[in-house]
């Protein structure tokens, strides 16, 4: 096998090659983790600073612009808390264009989306009950949706990874409901594989072609394939494949329609359940001048929604934050440019701006976003001194307790860290507040941009660095 010798020699040299002199400032565990993955540290940025100090304890490649993935959600969240306040609420407006006689609305029912990031089935149902309480049962006209508060220009679904139906790819919409996704629950009952979907959608069908195969509960999507034969314009989903006998249940979350059609299908199903009828069709149009507002339905407060955004890394909710910031500062319609300008101005006002910083959509689902670890670390220290610090820190996952960290950092580090994770192909990042054994608190940022960093090497370096901080 002489032809393998040059290849093996390269591997050996890569594994034993010394790190640059600058890397000697890193903790020994971090150096070992880099060497174990044949990395020289050039793609790594680290920043550690005690929250009560003015200078960092550790700074390594901290001024290099990097792709941060989802840790950028913390920046967007902090800006929203500072500029909007923790009690800020979005409002969904309900309007009518005719009189109500004997329970019958002689005109259209209009929903004007206010950008609520978490208008769920339950909250939409409550809103419809309030409409019923105003004496409306029958709607003679159309259901009109006004989603003009946000403008997305030419952005398309699935631009990042060509996965347009995945929940994380959902685009913002001023009248978004349930993040525009459906839960498909695949369950085994004896030898039969059943599919249940939620929420109920009017005139939507699921074709179940799933069969069984012997085997353990493993494999991509447990062998289940998802398809929309007519795309988001249709009203039918097909689930196929072979579900292993070792699986009892598996869940998929997928988009099945465009947001206005989804809202229409869900609202009609819920309205019918409440005993109401809608005779007209769906129309997309701004609220007309002759309309009369009958209800303004408030969202949950911003501080509550931040917990869902950061603990579970909800992309579309964070994007709503960015667009809302643009609306509040520059007026409607909200768009990416206005949101970015608002964040840039905020960074400058807080003394955090760094040349070259670019925040694309505020959520991290982008390969164009660029920040430095030092800027992000200084932002965390700045946030620690802010009156709304408790709301921001409480929104981040707790090590080994909840959110995206529920299965990480078990043992003696559990509960000591509030950290936001970030992951894209070739990007692995983590940032937040760590409480050391001595009782001191540190702002910590670790960003790695390396080939295959998302496949284990990034987390290995993070674990080594964070354990070092805990032991300070």
Protein backbone atom coordinates (compact mmCIF):
# COMPACT_ATOMS: atom_id res chain seq x y z
CA UNK A 1 0.00 0.00 0.00
CA UNK A 2 2.79 2.49 -0.80
CA UNK A 3 0.32 4.84 -2.50
CA UNK A 4 -1.24 5.57 0.92
CA UNK A 5 2.00 6.68 2.57
CA UNK A 6 1.99 10.32 1.34
CA UNK A 7 -1.65 10.71 2.44
CA UNK A 8 -0.96 9.21 5.88
CA UNK A 9 2.10 11.42 6.26
CA UNK A 10 0.02 14.52 5.57
CA UNK A 11 -2.50 13.48 8.23
CA UNK A 12 0.30 12.87 10.73
CA UNK A 13 1.92 16.23 10.00
CA UNK A 14 -1.42 18.00 10.28
CA UNK A 15 -2.12 16.35 13.61
CA UNK A 16 1.22 17.29 15.12
CA UNK A 17 1.83 20.68 13.52
CA UNK A 18 2.32 23.36 16.22
CA UNK A 19 -0.24 26.12 16.63
CA UNK A 20 0.78 29.73 15.92
CA UNK A 21 2.45 31.56 18.80
CA UNK A 22 -0.68 33.65 19.37
CA UNK A 23 -2.63 30.50 20.23
CA UNK A 24 -0.46 29.96 23.29
CA UNK A 25 -2.70 32.46 25.12
CA UNK A 26 -5.56 29.97 24.92
CA UNK A 27 -6.27 27.63 27.84
CA UNK A 28 -4.53 24.22 27.55
CA UNK A 29 -7.86 22.39 27.14
CA UNK A 30 -8.74 24.59 24.18
CA UNK A 31 -5.35 24.01 22.58
CA UNK A 32 -5.83 20.26 23.01
CA UNK A 33 -9.29 20.42 21.43
CA UNK A 34 -7.89 22.30 18.42
CA UNK A 35 -5.06 19.82 17.98
CA UNK A 36 -7.43 16.85 18.31
CA UNK A 37 -9.33 18.20 15.31
CA UNK A 38 -6.20 19.18 13.34
CA UNK A 39 -7.01 22.90 13.60
CA UNK A 40 -4.52 25.75 13.98
CA UNK A 41 -6.96 28.23 15.53
CA UNK A 42 -7.04 30.61 12.56
CA UNK A 43 -10.81 30.13 12.22
CA UNK A 44 -11.47 30.61 15.94
CA UNK A 45 -12.40 33.79 17.81
CA UNK A 46 -12.71 33.93 21.62
CA UNK A 47 -13.60 36.75 23.99
CA UNK A 48 -13.99 36.44 27.78
CA UNK A 49 -14.57 39.40 30.10
CA UNK A 50 -15.80 39.61 33.67
CA UNK A 51 -18.99 41.68 33.71
CA UNK A 52 -17.55 43.95 36.41
CA UNK A 53 -14.27 44.61 34.58
CA UNK A 54 -13.39 47.03 31.79
CA UNK A 55 -10.86 44.83 29.97
CA UNK A 56 -11.09 41.25 28.68
CA UNK A 57 -9.53 38.36 30.54
CA UNK A 58 -8.99 36.50 27.25
CA UNK A 59 -9.08 37.83 23.70
CA UNK A 60 -8.05 35.62 20.77
CA UNK A 61 -8.69 36.68 17.17
CA UNK A 62 -11.46 38.71 18.76
CA UNK A 63 -11.38 41.53 16.19
CA UNK A 64 -11.72 39.26 13.15
CA UNK A 65 -15.08 39.54 11.39
CA UNK A 66 -16.88 36.19 11.56
CA UNK A 67 -20.19 34.60 10.63
CA UNK A 68 -21.99 34.25 13.99
CA UNK A 69 -25.03 32.14 13.02
CA UNK A 70 -27.86 32.31 15.57
CA UNK A 71 -26.03 33.98 18.45
CA UNK A 72 -26.86 37.23 16.61
CA UNK A 73 -30.41 36.77 17.96
CA UNK A 74 -29.12 38.01 21.33
CA UNK A 75 -28.03 41.30 19.75
CA UNK A 76 -31.40 41.76 18.05
CA UNK A 77 -33.16 40.88 21.30
CA UNK A 78 -31.12 43.34 23.35
CA UNK A 79 -31.78 46.13 20.85
CA UNK A 80 -35.51 45.35 20.94
CA UNK A 81 -35.58 45.43 24.74
CA UNK A 82 -33.69 48.72 24.83
CA UNK A 83 -35.64 50.46 22.06
CA UNK A 84 -39.13 49.00 22.55
CA UNK A 85 -39.18 47.99 26.21
CA UNK A 86 -40.08 44.61 27.75
CA UNK A 87 -43.81 45.40 27.85
CA UNK A 88 -44.06 46.22 24.13
CA UNK A 89 -46.96 44.48 22.38
CA UNK A 90 -47.97 44.00 18.76
CA UNK A 91 -51.65 44.45 17.87
CA UNK A 92 -53.76 42.61 15.30
CA UNK A 93 -56.56 44.84 14.12
CA UNK A 94 -60.03 43.59 13.18
CA UNK A 95 -62.16 45.76 10.91
CA UNK A 96 -65.55 45.50 9.20
CA UNK A 97 -67.04 47.21 6.15
CA UNK A 98 -70.73 46.90 6.88
CA UNK A 99 -73.34 46.84 9.62
CA UNK A 100 -74.15 43.87 11.83
CA UNK A 101 -77.80 42.84 11.81
CA UNK A 102 -79.08 39.89 13.83
CA UNK A 103 -75.61 38.37 14.02
CA UNK A 104 -74.91 38.81 10.32
CA UNK A 105 -72.07 41.08 9.15
CA UNK A 106 -73.27 42.68 5.92
CA UNK A 107 -69.79 43.22 4.56
CA UNK A 108 -66.18 42.06 4.83
CA UNK A 109 -64.22 41.02 7.88
CA UNK A 110 -60.68 42.45 7.68
CA UNK A 111 -57.61 41.36 9.63
CA UNK A 112 -54.78 43.87 9.66
CA UNK A 113 -51.57 42.15 10.69
CA UNK A 114 -49.53 44.04 13.24
CA UNK A 115 -46.47 41.80 13.06
CA UNK A 116 -47.19 39.65 16.13
CA UNK A 117 -44.41 37.01 16.06
CA UNK A 118 -46.37 34.42 18.04
CA UNK A 119 -50.03 34.53 17.07
CA UNK A 120 -50.77 30.84 17.67
CA UNK A 121 -53.86 28.72 17.06
CA UNK A 122 -54.94 29.20 20.65
CA UNK A 123 -54.60 32.98 20.52
CA UNK A 124 -56.31 33.21 17.12
CA UNK A 125 -59.18 31.14 18.55
CA UNK A 126 -59.43 33.54 21.51
CA UNK A 127 -59.48 36.50 19.13
CA UNK A 128 -62.30 34.90 17.13
CA UNK A 129 -64.27 34.34 20.33
CA UNK A 130 -63.97 38.05 21.05
CA UNK A 131 -65.36 38.77 17.58
CA UNK A 132 -68.24 36.38 18.32
CA UNK A 133 -68.82 38.21 21.61
CA UNK A 134 -69.40 41.39 19.58
CA UNK A 135 -72.45 39.71 18.08
CA UNK A 136 -71.04 38.44 14.76
CA UNK A 137 -71.85 34.90 13.67
CA UNK A 138 -72.31 35.10 9.90
CA UNK A 139 -69.98 36.97 7.56
CA UNK A 140 -71.67 37.79 4.26
CA UNK A 141 -68.60 39.28 2.60
CA UNK A 142 -65.00 38.24 2.15
CA UNK A 143 -62.23 37.55 4.60
CA UNK A 144 -59.71 40.28 3.82
CA UNK A 145 -56.11 40.14 5.03
CA UNK A 146 -53.97 43.27 5.17
CA UNK A 147 -50.34 42.22 5.61
CA UNK A 148 -48.80 45.41 4.23
CA UNK A 149 -47.00 46.38 7.47
CA UNK A 150 -43.97 44.35 6.33
CA UNK A 151 -42.36 44.34 2.88
CA UNK A 152 -39.88 41.59 2.00
CA UNK A 153 -38.80 42.83 -1.41
CA UNK A 154 -37.61 39.91 -3.57
CA UNK A 155 -36.58 37.44 -0.85
CA UNK A 156 -37.53 33.84 -1.54
CA UNK A 157 -38.19 30.83 0.66
CA UNK A 158 -35.27 28.48 1.20
CA UNK A 159 -32.61 30.78 -0.27
CA UNK A 160 -30.00 29.61 2.25
CA UNK A 161 -30.18 25.83 1.79
CA UNK A 162 -32.99 25.11 -0.70
CA UNK A 163 -35.30 23.80 2.04
CA UNK A 164 -38.35 26.06 1.55
CA UNK A 165 -40.78 23.91 3.53
CA UNK A 166 -38.70 23.61 6.72
CA UNK A 167 -39.98 25.53 9.74
CA UNK A 168 -36.71 27.42 10.18
CA UNK A 169 -37.00 28.82 6.63
CA UNK A 170 -40.31 30.62 7.24
CA UNK A 171 -40.38 34.22 6.03
CA UNK A 172 -41.90 37.04 8.08
CA UNK A 173 -45.43 38.17 7.40
CA UNK A 174 -47.36 40.86 9.23
CA UNK A 175 -50.31 38.44 9.60
CA UNK A 176 -48.30 35.34 10.50
CA UNK A 177 -50.05 32.55 12.41
CA UNK A 178 -48.29 29.53 13.99
CA UNK A 179 -45.03 30.55 12.29
CA UNK A 180 -46.82 29.32 9.12
CA UNK A 181 -46.07 25.65 9.85
CA UNK A 182 -48.06 22.48 10.38
CA UNK A 183 -47.13 19.70 12.78
CA UNK A 184 -47.29 16.24 11.21
CA UNK A 185 -47.29 13.52 13.86
CA UNK A 186 -46.55 10.01 12.61
CA UNK A 187 -47.75 7.35 15.05
CA UNK A 188 -47.70 3.58 15.03
CA UNK A 189 -50.79 1.69 16.12
CA UNK A 190 -50.19 -2.06 15.96
CA UNK A 191 -49.19 -2.61 12.32
CA UNK A 192 -50.76 0.59 11.02
CA UNK A 193 -48.90 3.90 10.64
CA UNK A 194 -51.20 6.88 11.10
CA UNK A 195 -50.61 10.57 10.34
CA UNK A 196 -52.23 13.33 12.36
CA UNK A 197 -51.74 17.00 11.52
CA UNK A 198 -52.29 20.12 13.58
CA UNK A 199 -53.70 22.75 13.40
CA UNK A 200 -56.89 22.02 11.45
CA UNK A 201 -56.88 23.71 8.05
CA UNK A 202 -59.93 24.19 5.88
CA UNK A 203 -59.82 22.16 2.62
CA UNK A 204 -56.36 20.75 3.34
CA UNK A 205 -55.67 17.05 2.81
CA UNK A 206 -52.89 14.68 3.80
CA UNK A 207 -52.25 11.56 1.74
CA UNK A 208 -50.65 8.87 3.89
CA UNK A 209 -48.49 6.48 1.84
CA UNK A 210 -46.24 5.44 4.74
CA UNK A 211 -45.55 1.73 5.13
CA UNK A 212 -43.57 -0.21 7.74
CA UNK A 213 -40.18 -1.87 7.74
CA UNK A 214 -38.41 -3.89 10.39
CA UNK A 215 -35.62 -2.06 12.18
CA UNK A 216 -34.56 0.25 14.95
CA UNK A 217 -35.85 3.81 15.26
CA UNK A 218 -33.11 5.52 13.25
CA UNK A 219 -32.36 7.09 9.90
CA UNK A 220 -33.04 10.46 8.32
CA UNK A 221 -36.57 11.57 9.26
CA UNK A 222 -37.08 7.94 10.35
CA UNK A 223 -37.58 7.02 6.71
CA UNK A 224 -40.48 9.45 6.20
CA UNK A 225 -40.54 11.64 3.07
CA UNK A 226 -42.60 14.82 2.80
CA UNK A 227 -43.86 16.36 -0.45
CA UNK A 228 -46.23 19.07 -1.65
CA UNK A 229 -47.22 18.01 -5.20
CA UNK A 230 -48.57 21.47 -6.04
CA UNK A 231 -46.12 23.38 -3.87
CA UNK A 232 -47.35 26.05 -1.46
CA UNK A 233 -50.15 26.93 -3.90
CA UNK A 234 -51.84 23.56 -3.39
CA UNK A 235 -53.88 22.10 -0.56
CA UNK A 236 -52.38 18.61 -0.35
CA UNK A 237 -49.38 17.03 1.35
CA UNK A 238 -48.06 13.53 0.69
CA UNK A 239 -46.15 11.58 3.32
CA UNK A 240 -44.45 8.40 2.13
CA UNK A 241 -41.58 6.07 2.97
CA UNK A 242 -41.00 3.19 5.37
CA UNK A 243 -41.41 3.83 9.09
CA UNK A 244 -39.23 1.51 11.25
CA UNK A 245 -41.02 -0.87 13.60
CA UNK A 246 -38.74 0.37 16.39
CA UNK A 247 -40.39 3.81 16.21
CA UNK A 248 -43.65 4.59 17.97
CA UNK A 249 -43.85 8.28 17.06
CA UNK A 250 -42.06 10.91 14.99
CA UNK A 251 -42.90 14.55 14.27
CA UNK A 252 -42.24 16.84 11.31
CA UNK A 253 -42.94 20.58 11.15
CA UNK A 254 -43.43 21.89 7.64
CA UNK A 255 -44.87 24.84 5.74
CA UNK A 256 -47.77 23.84 3.48
CA UNK A 257 -49.15 27.18 2.21
CA UNK A 258 -48.23 30.82 1.85
CA UNK A 259 -49.03 32.80 5.04
CA UNK A 260 -52.28 34.51 3.89
CA UNK A 261 -53.72 31.23 2.63
CA UNK A 262 -52.65 29.46 5.82
CA UNK A 263 -54.30 32.11 8.00
CA UNK A 264 -57.45 31.91 5.88
CA UNK A 265 -57.61 28.09 6.08
CA UNK A 266 -57.08 28.03 9.84
CA UNK A 267 -59.46 30.89 10.57
CA UNK A 268 -62.26 29.30 8.57
CA UNK A 269 -61.81 25.98 10.38
CA UNK A 270 -61.87 27.65 13.79
CA UNK A 271 -64.74 29.96 12.90
CA UNK A 272 -66.83 27.02 11.75
CA UNK A 273 -66.00 25.22 15.01
CA UNK A 274 -67.41 28.26 16.85
CA UNK A 275 -70.63 27.94 14.87
CA UNK A 276 -69.95 30.72 12.41
CA UNK A 277 -69.98 30.97 8.62
CA UNK A 278 -68.03 32.94 6.02
CA UNK A 279 -69.73 33.22 2.64
CA UNK A 280 -67.04 35.12 0.73
CA UNK A 281 -63.54 34.32 -0.43
CA UNK A 282 -60.06 35.37 0.66
CA UNK A 283 -58.79 38.74 -0.55
CA UNK A 284 -55.48 40.49 0.09
CA UNK A 285 -55.93 44.25 0.34
CA UNK A 286 -55.19 47.20 2.63
CA UNK A 287 -57.87 48.27 5.08
CA UNK A 288 -60.27 50.52 3.08
CA UNK A 289 -61.07 54.03 4.27
CA UNK A 290 -64.71 53.19 4.93
CA UNK A 291 -63.86 50.29 7.29
CA UNK A 292 -64.66 50.41 11.01
CA UNK A 293 -62.30 48.89 13.57
CA UNK A 294 -64.05 46.65 16.07
CA UNK A 295 -61.11 45.06 17.86
CA UNK A 296 -57.40 45.48 18.55
CA UNK A 297 -56.01 42.18 19.79
CA UNK A 298 -52.71 42.47 21.71
CA UNK A 299 -49.81 40.03 21.56
CA UNK A 300 -47.91 38.64 24.50
CA UNK A 301 -45.33 41.13 25.83
CA UNK A 302 -41.92 41.30 24.19
CA UNK A 303 -40.12 39.96 27.27
CA UNK A 304 -42.19 36.75 27.16
CA UNK A 305 -41.62 36.27 23.46
CA UNK A 306 -37.85 36.65 23.81
CA UNK A 307 -37.75 33.42 25.82
CA UNK A 308 -39.17 31.52 22.88
CA UNK A 309 -36.91 33.33 20.43
CA UNK A 310 -33.63 32.60 22.19
CA UNK A 311 -34.25 29.37 24.07
CA UNK A 312 -35.47 27.64 20.91
CA UNK A 313 -33.72 29.83 18.32
CA UNK A 314 -36.88 30.84 16.47
CA UNK A 315 -35.79 32.49 13.21
CA UNK A 316 -39.02 33.98 11.95
CA UNK A 317 -39.87 35.52 15.34
CA UNK A 318 -36.47 37.23 15.44
CA UNK A 319 -36.95 38.52 11.92
CA UNK A 320 -40.22 40.08 13.08
CA UNK A 321 -38.21 41.91 15.75
CA UNK A 322 -35.89 43.39 13.14
CA UNK A 323 -38.75 44.50 10.89
CA UNK A 324 -40.63 45.94 13.85
CA UNK A 325 -37.60 47.98 14.88
CA UNK A 326 -37.52 49.39 11.36
CA UNK A 327 -41.22 50.30 11.51
CA UNK A 328 -40.88 51.97 14.90
CA UNK A 329 -37.90 54.11 13.81
CA UNK A 330 -38.56 54.75 10.11
CA UNK A 331 -42.27 54.03 9.64
CA UNK A 332 -44.16 51.41 7.65
CA UNK A 333 -43.66 49.32 5.70
CA UNK A 334 -40.96 47.53 7.63
CA UNK A 335 -38.18 46.01 5.55
CA UNK A 336 -34.67 44.64 5.96
CA UNK A 337 -32.97 47.93 5.09
CA UNK A 338 -34.88 49.90 7.74
CA UNK A 339 -34.23 47.19 10.32
CA UNK A 340 -30.51 47.08 9.56
CA UNK A 341 -30.25 50.88 9.72
CA UNK A 342 -31.98 50.84 13.10
CA UNK A 343 -29.60 48.24 14.52
CA UNK A 344 -26.54 50.05 13.15
CA UNK A 345 -27.68 53.34 14.70
CA UNK A 346 -28.35 51.56 17.98
CA UNK A 347 -24.85 50.02 18.01
CA UNK A 348 -23.38 53.46 17.44
CA UNK A 349 -25.47 54.98 20.23
CA UNK A 350 -24.28 52.27 22.63
CA UNK A 351 -20.65 52.75 21.60
CA UNK A 352 -20.49 49.24 20.15
CA UNK A 353 -20.20 49.86 16.42
CA UNK A 354 -17.32 48.14 14.60
CA UNK A 355 -16.36 48.78 10.95
CA UNK A 356 -17.36 45.90 8.71
CA UNK A 357 -20.24 44.72 10.90
CA UNK A 358 -23.20 43.54 8.83
CA UNK A 359 -26.41 42.21 10.31
CA UNK A 360 -28.49 40.68 7.54
CA UNK A 361 -31.88 39.58 8.87
CA UNK A 362 -31.26 39.72 12.62
CA UNK A 363 -31.76 35.97 13.09
CA UNK A 364 -28.48 34.50 11.87
CA UNK A 365 -30.02 32.45 9.08
CA UNK A 366 -27.64 34.06 6.63
CA UNK A 367 -24.12 33.60 5.34
CA UNK A 368 -23.60 37.36 4.95
CA UNK A 369 -23.85 38.46 8.59
CA UNK A 370 -20.49 39.50 10.04
CA UNK A 371 -19.53 40.55 13.56
CA UNK A 372 -16.48 40.36 15.81
CA UNK A 373 -16.27 38.41 19.06
CA UNK A 374 -14.96 41.51 20.86
CA UNK A 375 -17.97 43.60 19.82
CA UNK A 376 -20.35 40.86 20.87
CA UNK A 377 -18.56 40.38 24.20
CA UNK A 378 -18.62 44.11 24.92
CA UNK A 379 -22.31 44.11 24.05
CA UNK A 380 -22.94 41.38 26.65
CA UNK A 381 -21.05 43.40 29.29
CA UNK A 382 -23.06 46.48 28.30
CA UNK A 383 -26.27 44.47 28.59
CA UNK A 384 -25.29 43.29 32.08
CA UNK A 385 -25.37 46.93 33.24
CA UNK A 386 -28.73 47.61 31.57
CA UNK A 387 -31.96 47.83 33.59
CA UNK A 388 -33.49 45.12 31.39
CA UNK A 389 -30.57 42.72 31.86
CA UNK A 390 -32.71 40.15 33.77
CA UNK A 391 -35.15 39.88 30.86
CA UNK A 392 -32.37 39.33 28.33
CA UNK A 393 -30.40 36.78 30.35
CA UNK A 394 -33.56 34.88 31.29
CA UNK A 395 -34.37 34.49 27.58
CA UNK A 396 -31.22 32.43 26.90
CA UNK A 397 -30.99 28.64 27.27
CA UNK A 398 -29.71 27.35 30.62
CA UNK A 399 -26.98 24.72 30.44
CA UNK A 400 -28.42 21.21 30.85
CA UNK A 401 -31.86 22.63 31.73
CA UNK A 402 -33.82 23.92 28.75
CA UNK A 403 -33.90 25.13 25.16
CA UNK A 404 -31.09 24.23 22.79
CA UNK A 405 -28.80 23.46 25.78
CA UNK A 406 -31.09 20.99 27.50
CA UNK A 407 -28.82 18.08 26.54
CA UNK A 408 -25.43 19.81 26.91
CA UNK A 409 -23.10 20.54 29.83
CA UNK A 410 -24.42 17.91 32.21
CA UNK A 411 -22.77 17.32 35.55
CA UNK A 412 -20.96 19.98 37.54
CA UNK A 413 -21.43 22.71 34.92
CA UNK A 414 -25.22 22.31 34.75
CA UNK A 415 -27.14 25.48 35.48
CA UNK A 416 -24.07 27.72 35.56
CA UNK A 417 -24.43 29.13 32.06
CA UNK A 418 -27.03 31.15 30.15
CA UNK A 419 -25.86 30.75 26.55
CA UNK A 420 -27.20 31.20 23.03
CA UNK A 421 -26.03 28.66 20.49
CA UNK A 422 -25.41 29.24 16.78
CA UNK A 423 -24.95 26.73 13.99
CA UNK A 424 -24.73 26.83 10.20
CA UNK A 425 -22.76 24.65 7.84
CA UNK A 426 -19.10 25.35 8.73
CA UNK A 427 -20.12 27.73 11.53
CA UNK A 428 -20.35 26.94 15.24
CA UNK A 429 -20.82 29.62 17.89
CA UNK A 430 -21.93 30.14 21.47
CA UNK A 431 -22.23 33.27 23.62
CA UNK A 432 -23.70 34.41 26.90
CA UNK A 433 -23.11 34.71 30.64
CA UNK A 434 -21.20 32.12 32.69
CA UNK A 435 -21.10 31.95 36.49
CA UNK A 436 -17.76 30.56 37.67
CA UNK A 437 -17.23 28.51 40.81
CA UNK A 438 -15.80 31.59 42.49
CA UNK A 439 -19.14 33.35 41.96
CA UNK A 440 -17.93 35.80 39.33
CA UNK A 441 -19.84 36.23 36.12
CA UNK A 442 -18.24 36.40 32.72
CA UNK A 443 -19.38 37.40 29.25
CA UNK A 444 -18.15 34.65 26.91
CA UNK A 445 -18.12 34.50 23.11
CA UNK A 446 -16.78 31.61 21.02
CA UNK A 447 -17.11 31.72 17.22
CA UNK A 448 -15.58 29.18 14.89
CA UNK A 449 -15.66 29.49 11.10
CA UNK A 450 -13.91 26.37 9.85
CA UNK A 451 -14.73 23.63 7.34
CA UNK A 452 -17.11 21.23 9.10
CA UNK A 453 -17.06 23.24 12.34
CA UNK A 454 -20.74 22.35 12.73
CA UNK A 455 -19.95 18.62 12.84
CA UNK A 456 -18.28 18.46 16.24
CA UNK A 457 -15.04 20.44 16.31
CA UNK A 458 -16.86 23.67 17.18
CA UNK A 459 -18.64 22.15 20.16
CA UNK A 460 -15.45 20.48 21.37
CA UNK A 461 -13.65 23.83 21.50
CA UNK A 462 -16.67 25.50 23.11
CA UNK A 463 -16.85 22.84 25.82
CA UNK A 464 -13.16 23.19 26.62
CA UNK A 465 -13.30 26.98 26.84
CA UNK A 466 -16.49 27.10 28.89
CA UNK A 467 -15.23 24.54 31.42
CA UNK A 468 -12.15 26.69 31.82
CA UNK A 469 -14.33 29.74 32.57
CA UNK A 470 -16.47 27.80 35.03
CA UNK A 471 -13.34 26.85 36.97
CA UNK A 472 -12.02 30.42 37.25
